[in-house]
Amino acid sequence: MQKEPGYILRDERLFNKFCAKENKVFGCQNLYGCSIACPLYRAKMVEYLYNEKSMTIGDAHKACLRKDLTGPEVMSCLRALVKTGDKTISMDVLMQILEKKNE
């Protein structure tokens, strides 16, 4: 029986399986969050924008980086910074988000 090819970035089931394995090895999900600093997640979003929205790779990449962080994502960044000292986001961007929330 021949195995069918799999595409991790295209198949949500394979992507989730792969991420679960990566998280077991690197513990990245709790430290960084999946949509904050994960290059695979961003690659998946860029691929979607490129294919489905006809954006260029550069425009799709910029669009993914400009995405505002949600409240839980900001808290995750702060938690990682306080607990481990790891910077999961630029401090300038984090300050802009916090100032925008306080307005």
PDB file of N, CA and C in Angstrom:
ATOM      1  N   MET A   1       0.845  -1.181   0.000  1.00  0.00           N
ATOM      2  CA  MET A   1       0.000   0.000   0.000  1.00  0.00           C
ATOM      3  C   MET A   1       0.893   1.249   0.000  1.00  0.00           C
ATOM      4  N   GLN A   2       0.683   2.091  -0.963  1.00  0.00           N
ATOM      5  CA  GLN A   2       1.505   3.288  -1.107  1.00  0.00           C
ATOM      6  C   GLN A   2       0.905   4.438  -0.300  1.00  0.00           C
ATOM      7  N   LYS A   3       1.769   5.135   0.400  1.00  0.00           N
ATOM      8  CA  LYS A   3       1.347   6.247   1.238  1.00  0.00           C
ATOM      9  C   LYS A   3       1.151   7.491   0.376  1.00  0.00           C
ATOM     10  N   GLU A   4       0.061   8.226   0.638  1.00  0.00           N
ATOM     11  CA  GLU A   4      -0.195   9.462  -0.095  1.00  0.00           C
ATOM     12  C   GLU A   4       0.682  10.575   0.457  1.00  0.00           C
ATOM     13  N   PRO A   5       1.078  11.516  -0.401  1.00  0.00           N
ATOM     14  CA  PRO A   5       1.891  12.633   0.101  1.00  0.00           C
ATOM     15  C   PRO A   5       1.076  13.504   1.055  1.00  0.00           C
ATOM     16  N   GLY A   6       1.772  14.087   2.028  1.00  0.00           N
ATOM     17  CA  GLY A   6       1.118  14.971   2.985  1.00  0.00           C
ATOM     18  C   GLY A   6       1.717  16.367   2.898  1.00  0.00           C
ATOM     19  N   TYR A   7       0.890  17.355   3.132  1.00  0.00           N
ATOM     20  CA  TYR A   7       1.318  18.743   3.067  1.00  0.00           C
ATOM     21  C   TYR A   7       0.991  19.409   4.399  1.00  0.00           C
ATOM     22  N   ILE A   8       2.007  19.581   5.219  1.00  0.00           N
ATOM     23  CA  ILE A   8       1.815  20.066   6.582  1.00  0.00           C
ATOM     24  C   ILE A   8       1.177  21.449   6.605  1.00  0.00           C
ATOM     25  N   LEU A   9       1.581  22.350   5.738  1.00  0.00           N
ATOM     26  CA  LEU A   9       1.027  23.698   5.761  1.00  0.00           C
ATOM     27  C   LEU A   9      -0.393  23.763   5.202  1.00  0.00           C
ATOM     28  N   ARG A  10      -0.775  22.811   4.389  1.00  0.00           N
ATOM     29  CA  ARG A  10      -2.101  22.847   3.769  1.00  0.00           C
ATOM     30  C   ARG A  10      -3.141  22.036   4.524  1.00  0.00           C
ATOM     31  N   ASP A  11      -2.731  20.962   5.126  1.00  0.00           N
ATOM     32  CA  ASP A  11      -3.655  20.050   5.802  1.00  0.00           C
ATOM     33  C   ASP A  11      -3.689  20.374   7.300  1.00  0.00           C
ATOM     34  N   GLU A  12      -4.826  20.888   7.769  1.00  0.00           N
ATOM     35  CA  GLU A  12      -4.964  21.312   9.166  1.00  0.00           C
ATOM     36  C   GLU A  12      -4.680  20.163  10.137  1.00  0.00           C
ATOM     37  N   ARG A  13      -5.113  18.968   9.798  1.00  0.00           N
ATOM     38  CA  ARG A  13      -4.891  17.799  10.658  1.00  0.00           C
ATOM     39  C   ARG A  13      -3.403  17.487  10.786  1.00  0.00           C
ATOM     40  N   LEU A  14      -2.685  17.495   9.675  1.00  0.00           N
ATOM     41  CA  LEU A  14      -1.245  17.238   9.709  1.00  0.00           C
ATOM     42  C   LEU A  14      -0.505  18.376  10.414  1.00  0.00           C
ATOM     43  N   PHE A  15      -0.951  19.606  10.188  1.00  0.00           N
ATOM     44  CA  PHE A  15      -0.322  20.761  10.827  1.00  0.00           C
ATOM     45  C   PHE A  15      -0.443  20.642  12.349  1.00  0.00           C
ATOM     46  N   ASN A  16      -1.635  20.302  12.830  1.00  0.00           N
ATOM     47  CA  ASN A  16      -1.855  20.165  14.268  1.00  0.00           C
ATOM     48  C   ASN A  16      -1.030  19.023  14.858  1.00  0.00           C
ATOM     49  N   LYS A  17      -0.934  17.906  14.139  1.00  0.00           N
ATOM     50  CA  LYS A  17      -0.113  16.775  14.598  1.00  0.00           C
ATOM     51  C   LYS A  17       1.356  17.182  14.687  1.00  0.00           C
ATOM     52  N   PHE A  18       1.831  17.862  13.658  1.00  0.00           N
ATOM     53  CA  PHE A  18       3.221  18.298  13.632  1.00  0.00           C
ATOM     54  C   PHE A  18       3.504  19.258  14.786  1.00  0.00           C
ATOM     55  N   CYS A  19       2.604  20.206  15.003  1.00  0.00           N
ATOM     56  CA  CYS A  19       2.789  21.181  16.075  1.00  0.00           C
ATOM     57  C   CYS A  19       2.780  20.505  17.448  1.00  0.00           C
ATOM     58  N   ALA A  20       1.946  19.501  17.622  1.00  0.00           N
ATOM     59  CA  ALA A  20       1.920  18.775  18.898  1.00  0.00           C
ATOM     60  C   ALA A  20       3.260  18.088  19.140  1.00  0.00           C
ATOM     61  N   LYS A  21       3.840  17.511  18.101  1.00  0.00           N
ATOM     62  CA  LYS A  21       5.152  16.858  18.225  1.00  0.00           C
ATOM     63  C   LYS A  21       6.242  17.886  18.525  1.00  0.00           C
ATOM     64  N   GLU A  22       6.206  19.023  17.835  1.00  0.00           N
ATOM     65  CA  GLU A  22       7.183  20.087  18.070  1.00  0.00           C
ATOM     66  C   GLU A  22       7.080  20.616  19.501  1.00  0.00           C
ATOM     67  N   ASN A  23       5.848  20.756  19.970  1.00  0.00           N
ATOM     68  CA  ASN A  23       5.646  21.272  21.318  1.00  0.00           C
ATOM     69  C   ASN A  23       6.200  20.311  22.364  1.00  0.00           C
ATOM     70  N   LYS A  24       6.076  19.012  22.118  1.00  0.00           N
ATOM     71  CA  LYS A  24       6.640  18.030  23.055  1.00  0.00           C
ATOM     72  C   LYS A  24       8.159  18.157  23.135  1.00  0.00           C
ATOM     73  N   VAL A  25       8.788  18.428  22.024  1.00  0.00           N
ATOM     74  CA  VAL A  25      10.248  18.517  21.982  1.00  0.00           C
ATOM     75  C   VAL A  25      10.734  19.876  22.487  1.00  0.00           C
ATOM     76  N   PHE A  26      10.121  20.966  22.015  1.00  0.00           N
ATOM     77  CA  PHE A  26      10.635  22.306  22.285  1.00  0.00           C
ATOM     78  C   PHE A  26       9.843  23.092  23.334  1.00  0.00           C
ATOM     79  N   GLY A  27       8.630  22.656  23.654  1.00  0.00           N
ATOM     80  CA  GLY A  27       7.806  23.395  24.595  1.00  0.00           C
ATOM     81  C   GLY A  27       7.472  24.791  24.101  1.00  0.00           C
ATOM     82  N   CYS A  28       7.320  24.938  22.808  1.00  0.00           N
ATOM     83  CA  CYS A  28       7.173  26.260  22.205  1.00  0.00           C
ATOM     84  C   CYS A  28       5.777  26.858  22.366  1.00  0.00           C
ATOM     85  N   GLN A  29       4.762  26.037  22.475  1.00  0.00           N
ATOM     86  CA  GLN A  29       3.399  26.563  22.518  1.00  0.00           C
ATOM     87  C   GLN A  29       3.156  27.413  23.761  1.00  0.00           C
ATOM     88  N   ASN A  30       3.590  26.966  24.913  1.00  0.00           N
ATOM     89  CA  ASN A  30       3.371  27.726  26.137  1.00  0.00           C
ATOM     90  C   ASN A  30       4.265  28.951  26.208  1.00  0.00           C
ATOM     91  N   LEU A  31       5.477  28.853  25.677  1.00  0.00           N
ATOM     92  CA  LEU A  31       6.396  29.992  25.722  1.00  0.00           C
ATOM     93  C   LEU A  31       6.021  31.087  24.739  1.00  0.00           C
ATOM     94  N   TYR A  32       5.700  30.702  23.527  1.00  0.00           N
ATOM     95  CA  TYR A  32       5.543  31.693  22.464  1.00  0.00           C
ATOM     96  C   TYR A  32       4.126  31.831  21.926  1.00  0.00           C
ATOM     97  N   GLY A  33       3.322  30.835  22.096  1.00  0.00           N
ATOM     98  CA  GLY A  33       1.999  30.883  21.490  1.00  0.00           C
ATOM     99  C   GLY A  33       2.085  30.594  20.006  1.00  0.00           C
ATOM    100  N   CYS A  34       1.047  30.046  19.473  1.00  0.00           N
ATOM    101  CA  CYS A  34       1.113  29.593  18.084  1.00  0.00           C
ATOM    102  C   CYS A  34       1.031  30.722  17.064  1.00  0.00           C
ATOM    103  N   SER A  35       0.360  31.782  17.372  1.00  0.00           N
ATOM    104  CA  SER A  35       0.238  32.824  16.363  1.00  0.00           C
ATOM    105  C   SER A  35       1.133  34.021  16.645  1.00  0.00           C
ATOM    106  N   ILE A  36       1.917  33.975  17.706  1.00  0.00           N
ATOM    107  CA  ILE A  36       2.774  35.109  18.040  1.00  0.00           C
ATOM    108  C   ILE A  36       4.113  35.003  17.332  1.00  0.00           C
ATOM    109  N   ALA A  37       4.819  33.915  17.551  1.00  0.00           N
ATOM    110  CA  ALA A  37       6.187  33.833  17.060  1.00  0.00           C
ATOM    111  C   ALA A  37       6.471  32.583  16.239  1.00  0.00           C
ATOM    112  N   CYS A  38       5.481  31.794  15.974  1.00  0.00           N
ATOM    113  CA  CYS A  38       5.717  30.545  15.249  1.00  0.00           C
ATOM    114  C   CYS A  38       5.872  30.814  13.755  1.00  0.00           C
ATOM    115  N   PRO A  39       7.050  30.554  13.216  1.00  0.00           N
ATOM    116  CA  PRO A  39       7.240  30.804  11.782  1.00  0.00           C
ATOM    117  C   PRO A  39       6.389  29.884  10.903  1.00  0.00           C
ATOM    118  N   LEU A  40       6.084  28.691  11.383  1.00  0.00           N
ATOM    119  CA  LEU A  40       5.232  27.796  10.593  1.00  0.00           C
ATOM    120  C   LEU A  40       3.807  28.329  10.508  1.00  0.00           C
ATOM    121  N   TYR A  41       3.309  28.855  11.604  1.00  0.00           N
ATOM    122  CA  TYR A  41       1.965  29.437  11.588  1.00  0.00           C
ATOM    123  C   TYR A  41       1.921  30.617  10.619  1.00  0.00           C
ATOM    124  N   ARG A  42       2.942  31.468  10.688  1.00  0.00           N
ATOM    125  CA  ARG A  42       2.983  32.609   9.783  1.00  0.00           C
ATOM    126  C   ARG A  42       3.131  32.152   8.331  1.00  0.00           C
ATOM    127  N   ALA A  43       3.927  31.105   8.105  1.00  0.00           N
ATOM    128  CA  ALA A  43       4.073  30.577   6.740  1.00  0.00           C
ATOM    129  C   ALA A  43       2.730  30.086   6.214  1.00  0.00           C
ATOM    130  N   LYS A  44       1.976  29.466   7.077  1.00  0.00           N
ATOM    131  CA  LYS A  44       0.649  28.977   6.695  1.00  0.00           C
ATOM    132  C   LYS A  44      -0.262  30.137   6.330  1.00  0.00           C
ATOM    133  N   MET A  45      -0.216  31.219   7.102  1.00  0.00           N
ATOM    134  CA  MET A  45      -1.038  32.386   6.820  1.00  0.00           C
ATOM    135  C   MET A  45      -0.599  33.085   5.541  1.00  0.00           C
ATOM    136  N   VAL A  46       0.714  33.181   5.334  1.00  0.00           N
ATOM    137  CA  VAL A  46       1.236  33.793   4.105  1.00  0.00           C
ATOM    138  C   VAL A  46       0.814  32.965   2.895  1.00  0.00           C
ATOM    139  N   GLU A  47       0.912  31.649   3.014  1.00  0.00           N
ATOM    140  CA  GLU A  47       0.500  30.773   1.913  1.00  0.00           C
ATOM    141  C   GLU A  47      -0.976  30.976   1.584  1.00  0.00           C
ATOM    142  N   TYR A  48      -1.800  31.085   2.616  1.00  0.00           N
ATOM    143  CA  TYR A  48      -3.234  31.305   2.406  1.00  0.00           C
ATOM    144  C   TYR A  48      -3.477  32.632   1.679  1.00  0.00           C
ATOM    145  N   LEU A  49      -2.864  33.706   2.164  1.00  0.00           N
ATOM    146  CA  LEU A  49      -3.057  35.022   1.538  1.00  0.00           C
ATOM    147  C   LEU A  49      -2.526  35.046   0.112  1.00  0.00           C
ATOM    148  N   TYR A  50      -1.422  34.368  -0.109  1.00  0.00           N
ATOM    149  CA  TYR A  50      -0.816  34.305  -1.442  1.00  0.00           C
ATOM    150  C   TYR A  50      -1.735  33.566  -2.422  1.00  0.00           C
ATOM    151  N   ASN A  51      -2.231  32.405  -1.996  1.00  0.00           N
ATOM    152  CA  ASN A  51      -3.045  31.571  -2.887  1.00  0.00           C
ATOM    153  C   ASN A  51      -4.493  32.028  -2.996  1.00  0.00           C
ATOM    154  N   GLU A  52      -5.115  32.358  -1.879  1.00  0.00           N
ATOM    155  CA  GLU A  52      -6.547  32.642  -1.880  1.00  0.00           C
ATOM    156  C   GLU A  52      -6.884  34.115  -2.102  1.00  0.00           C
ATOM    157  N   LYS A  53      -6.002  35.004  -1.695  1.00  0.00           N
ATOM    158  CA  LYS A  53      -6.282  36.441  -1.807  1.00  0.00           C
ATOM    159  C   LYS A  53      -5.427  37.121  -2.858  1.00  0.00           C
ATOM    160  N   SER A  54      -4.622  36.334  -3.586  1.00  0.00           N
ATOM    161  CA  SER A  54      -3.783  36.823  -4.691  1.00  0.00           C
ATOM    162  C   SER A  54      -2.826  37.936  -4.274  1.00  0.00           C
ATOM    163  N   MET A  55      -2.338  37.870  -3.037  1.00  0.00           N
ATOM    164  CA  MET A  55      -1.349  38.840  -2.580  1.00  0.00           C
ATOM    165  C   MET A  55       0.037  38.363  -3.000  1.00  0.00           C
ATOM    166  N   THR A  56       0.970  39.294  -3.084  1.00  0.00           N
ATOM    167  CA  THR A  56       2.350  38.881  -3.315  1.00  0.00           C
ATOM    168  C   THR A  56       2.890  38.295  -2.011  1.00  0.00           C
ATOM    169  N   ILE A  57       3.978  37.559  -2.093  1.00  0.00           N
ATOM    170  CA  ILE A  57       4.592  36.991  -0.887  1.00  0.00           C
ATOM    171  C   ILE A  57       4.970  38.114   0.081  1.00  0.00           C
ATOM    172  N   GLY A  58       5.555  39.182  -0.447  1.00  0.00           N
ATOM    173  CA  GLY A  58       5.960  40.296   0.403  1.00  0.00           C
ATOM    174  C   GLY A  58       4.786  40.962   1.106  1.00  0.00           C
ATOM    175  N   ASP A  59       3.699  41.216   0.360  1.00  0.00           N
ATOM    176  CA  ASP A  59       2.518  41.847   0.965  1.00  0.00           C
ATOM    177  C   ASP A  59       1.864  40.926   1.990  1.00  0.00           C
ATOM    178  N   ALA A  60       1.799  39.648   1.678  1.00  0.00           N
ATOM    179  CA  ALA A  60       1.205  38.689   2.612  1.00  0.00           C
ATOM    180  C   ALA A  60       2.036  38.591   3.886  1.00  0.00           C
ATOM    181  N   HIS A  61       3.346  38.607   3.736  1.00  0.00           N
ATOM    182  CA  HIS A  61       4.230  38.544   4.902  1.00  0.00           C
ATOM    183  C   HIS A  61       4.046  39.786   5.773  1.00  0.00           C
ATOM    184  N   LYS A  62       3.998  40.950   5.153  1.00  0.00           N
ATOM    185  CA  LYS A  62       3.793  42.190   5.899  1.00  0.00           C
ATOM    186  C   LYS A  62       2.440  42.187   6.603  1.00  0.00           C
ATOM    187  N   ALA A  63       1.419  41.685   5.929  1.00  0.00           N
ATOM    188  CA  ALA A  63       0.080  41.647   6.522  1.00  0.00           C
ATOM    189  C   ALA A  63       0.058  40.762   7.764  1.00  0.00           C
ATOM    190  N   CYS A  64       0.784  39.677   7.732  1.00  0.00           N
ATOM    191  CA  CYS A  64       0.833  38.780   8.894  1.00  0.00           C
ATOM    192  C   CYS A  64       1.580  39.420  10.055  1.00  0.00           C
ATOM    193  N   LEU A  65       2.592  40.196   9.766  1.00  0.00           N
ATOM    194  CA  LEU A  65       3.358  40.843  10.826  1.00  0.00           C
ATOM    195  C   LEU A  65       2.608  42.016  11.438  1.00  0.00           C
ATOM    196  N   ARG A  66       1.733  42.633  10.698  1.00  0.00           N
ATOM    197  CA  ARG A  66       1.002  43.803  11.197  1.00  0.00           C
ATOM    198  C   ARG A  66      -0.214  43.438  12.024  1.00  0.00           C
ATOM    199  N   LYS A  67      -0.557  42.177  12.065  1.00  0.00           N
ATOM    200  CA  LYS A  67      -1.751  41.743  12.773  1.00  0.00           C
ATOM    201  C   LYS A  67      -1.675  42.138  14.241  1.00  0.00           C
ATOM    202  N   ASP A  68      -2.731  42.772  14.759  1.00  0.00           N
ATOM    203  CA  ASP A  68      -2.764  43.152  16.164  1.00  0.00           C
ATOM    204  C   ASP A  68      -2.868  41.905  17.041  1.00  0.00           C
ATOM    205  N   LEU A  69      -2.176  41.942  18.150  1.00  0.00           N
ATOM    206  CA  LEU A  69      -2.241  40.845  19.104  1.00  0.00           C
ATOM    207  C   LEU A  69      -3.504  40.978  19.940  1.00  0.00           C
ATOM    208  N   THR A  70      -4.097  39.847  20.270  1.00  0.00           N
ATOM    209  CA  THR A  70      -5.271  39.841  21.128  1.00  0.00           C
ATOM    210  C   THR A  70      -4.828  39.972  22.577  1.00  0.00           C
ATOM    211  N   GLY A  71      -5.777  40.196  23.467  1.00  0.00           N
ATOM    212  CA  GLY A  71      -5.475  40.302  24.892  1.00  0.00           C
ATOM    213  C   GLY A  71      -4.724  39.091  25.434  1.00  0.00           C
ATOM    214  N   PRO A  72      -5.196  37.868  25.148  1.00  0.00           N
ATOM    215  CA  PRO A  72      -4.470  36.690  25.638  1.00  0.00           C
ATOM    216  C   PRO A  72      -3.053  36.576  25.064  1.00  0.00           C
ATOM    217  N   GLU A  73      -2.855  37.015  23.827  1.00  0.00           N
ATOM    218  CA  GLU A  73      -1.523  36.963  23.233  1.00  0.00           C
ATOM    219  C   GLU A  73      -0.585  37.964  23.914  1.00  0.00           C
ATOM    220  N   VAL A  74      -1.096  39.152  24.229  1.00  0.00           N
ATOM    221  CA  VAL A  74      -0.293  40.138  24.948  1.00  0.00           C
ATOM    222  C   VAL A  74       0.087  39.583  26.313  1.00  0.00           C
ATOM    223  N   MET A  75      -0.867  38.959  26.989  1.00  0.00           N
ATOM    224  CA  MET A  75      -0.595  38.372  28.304  1.00  0.00           C
ATOM    225  C   MET A  75       0.442  37.259  28.193  1.00  0.00           C
ATOM    226  N   SER A  76       0.379  36.479  27.135  1.00  0.00           N
ATOM    227  CA  SER A  76       1.356  35.416  26.916  1.00  0.00           C
ATOM    228  C   SER A  76       2.754  35.992  26.740  1.00  0.00           C
ATOM    229  N   CYS A  77       2.864  37.082  25.991  1.00  0.00           N
ATOM    230  CA  CYS A  77       4.158  37.750  25.796  1.00  0.00           C
ATOM    231  C   CYS A  77       4.703  38.250  27.121  1.00  0.00           C
ATOM    232  N   LEU A  78       3.835  38.904  27.882  1.00  0.00           N
ATOM    233  CA  LEU A  78       4.259  39.427  29.181  1.00  0.00           C
ATOM    234  C   LEU A  78       4.665  38.310  30.128  1.00  0.00           C
ATOM    235  N   ARG A  79       3.883  37.222  30.130  1.00  0.00           N
ATOM    236  CA  ARG A  79       4.185  36.082  30.997  1.00  0.00           C
ATOM    237  C   ARG A  79       5.560  35.500  30.661  1.00  0.00           C
ATOM    238  N   ALA A  80       5.839  35.326  29.372  1.00  0.00           N
ATOM    239  CA  ALA A  80       7.140  34.780  28.965  1.00  0.00           C
ATOM    240  C   ALA A  80       8.267  35.722  29.360  1.00  0.00           C
ATOM    241  N   LEU A  81       8.038  37.017  29.226  1.00  0.00           N
ATOM    242  CA  LEU A  81       9.059  37.998  29.570  1.00  0.00           C
ATOM    243  C   LEU A  81       9.350  37.992  31.067  1.00  0.00           C
ATOM    244  N   VAL A  82       8.299  37.937  31.872  1.00  0.00           N
ATOM    245  CA  VAL A  82       8.472  37.981  33.328  1.00  0.00           C
ATOM    246  C   VAL A  82       9.052  36.670  33.867  1.00  0.00           C
ATOM    247  N   LYS A  83       8.530  35.542  33.382  1.00  0.00           N
ATOM    248  CA  LYS A  83       8.958  34.245  33.920  1.00  0.00           C
ATOM    249  C   LYS A  83      10.356  33.854  33.476  1.00  0.00           C
ATOM    250  N   THR A  84      10.661  34.041  32.210  1.00  0.00           N
ATOM    251  CA  THR A  84      11.926  33.513  31.680  1.00  0.00           C
ATOM    252  C   THR A  84      12.852  34.590  31.127  1.00  0.00           C
ATOM    253  N   GLY A  85      12.349  35.778  30.948  1.00  0.00           N
ATOM    254  CA  GLY A  85      13.159  36.838  30.349  1.00  0.00           C
ATOM    255  C   GLY A  85      13.220  36.746  28.837  1.00  0.00           C
ATOM    256  N   ASP A  86      12.499  35.781  28.240  1.00  0.00           N
ATOM    257  CA  ASP A  86      12.495  35.626  26.784  1.00  0.00           C
ATOM    258  C   ASP A  86      11.647  36.722  26.145  1.00  0.00           C
ATOM    259  N   LYS A  87      12.201  37.363  25.129  1.00  0.00           N
ATOM    260  CA  LYS A  87      11.452  38.360  24.386  1.00  0.00           C
ATOM    261  C   LYS A  87      10.776  37.667  23.217  1.00  0.00           C
ATOM    262  N   THR A  88       9.447  37.567  23.278  1.00  0.00           N
ATOM    263  CA  THR A  88       8.703  36.937  22.203  1.00  0.00           C
ATOM    264  C   THR A  88       8.124  37.968  21.249  1.00  0.00           C
ATOM    265  N   ILE A  89       8.312  39.230  21.596  1.00  0.00           N
ATOM    266  CA  ILE A  89       7.807  40.321  20.767  1.00  0.00           C
ATOM    267  C   ILE A  89       8.709  41.528  21.023  1.00  0.00           C
ATOM    268  N   SER A  90       8.824  42.384  20.059  1.00  0.00           N
ATOM    269  CA  SER A  90       9.608  43.597  20.230  1.00  0.00           C
ATOM    270  C   SER A  90       9.008  44.424  21.366  1.00  0.00           C
ATOM    271  N   MET A  91       9.857  44.947  22.221  1.00  0.00           N
ATOM    272  CA  MET A  91       9.372  45.743  23.351  1.00  0.00           C
ATOM    273  C   MET A  91       8.653  47.001  22.864  1.00  0.00           C
ATOM    274  N   ASP A  92       9.105  47.589  21.762  1.00  0.00           N
ATOM    275  CA  ASP A  92       8.431  48.768  21.200  1.00  0.00           C
ATOM    276  C   ASP A  92       7.001  48.426  20.779  1.00  0.00           C
ATOM    277  N   VAL A  93       6.850  47.288  20.096  1.00  0.00           N
ATOM    278  CA  VAL A  93       5.522  46.865  19.655  1.00  0.00           C
ATOM    279  C   VAL A  93       4.644  46.573  20.865  1.00  0.00           C
ATOM    280  N   LEU A  94       5.188  45.917  21.875  1.00  0.00           N
ATOM    281  CA  LEU A  94       4.433  45.602  23.078  1.00  0.00           C
ATOM    282  C   LEU A  94       3.965  46.882  23.782  1.00  0.00           C
ATOM    283  N   MET A  95       4.845  47.866  23.867  1.00  0.00           N
ATOM    284  CA  MET A  95       4.465  49.137  24.490  1.00  0.00           C
ATOM    285  C   MET A  95       3.378  49.842  23.681  1.00  0.00           C
ATOM    286  N   GLN A  96       3.465  49.797  22.364  1.00  0.00           N
ATOM    287  CA  GLN A  96       2.435  50.406  21.523  1.00  0.00           C
ATOM    288  C   GLN A  96       1.079  49.744  21.760  1.00  0.00           C
ATOM    289  N   ILE A  97       1.079  48.420  21.883  1.00  0.00           N
ATOM    290  CA  ILE A  97      -0.165  47.685  22.123  1.00  0.00           C
ATOM    291  C   ILE A  97      -0.750  48.063  23.470  1.00  0.00           C
ATOM    292  N   LEU A  98       0.094  48.092  24.489  1.00  0.00           N
ATOM    293  CA  LEU A  98      -0.385  48.424  25.828  1.00  0.00           C
ATOM    294  C   LEU A  98      -0.894  49.867  25.892  1.00  0.00           C
ATOM    295  N   GLU A  99      -0.218  50.791  25.239  1.00  0.00           N
ATOM    296  CA  GLU A  99      -0.669  52.180  25.228  1.00  0.00           C
ATOM    297  C   GLU A  99      -1.976  52.326  24.473  1.00  0.00           C
ATOM    298  N   LYS A 100      -2.128  51.575  23.381  1.00  0.00           N
ATOM    299  CA  LYS A 100      -3.358  51.632  22.592  1.00  0.00           C
ATOM    300  C   LYS A 100      -4.539  51.089  23.410  1.00  0.00           C
ATOM    301  N   LYS A 101      -4.311  50.047  24.206  1.00  0.00           N
ATOM    302  CA  LYS A 101      -5.370  49.455  25.039  1.00  0.00           C
ATOM    303  C   LYS A 101      -5.810  50.408  26.142  1.00  0.00           C
ATOM    304  N   ASN A 102      -4.902  51.273  26.602  1.00  0.00           N
ATOM    305  CA  ASN A 102      -5.211  52.193  27.695  1.00  0.00           C
ATOM    306  C   ASN A 102      -5.899  53.477  27.224  1.00  0.00           C
ATOM    307  N   GLU A 103      -5.954  53.713  25.934  1.00  0.00           N
ATOM    308  CA  GLU A 103      -6.561  54.949  25.412  1.00  0.00           C
ATOM    309  C   GLU A 103      -8.063  54.888  25.488  1.00  0.00           C
TER     310      GLU A 103
END
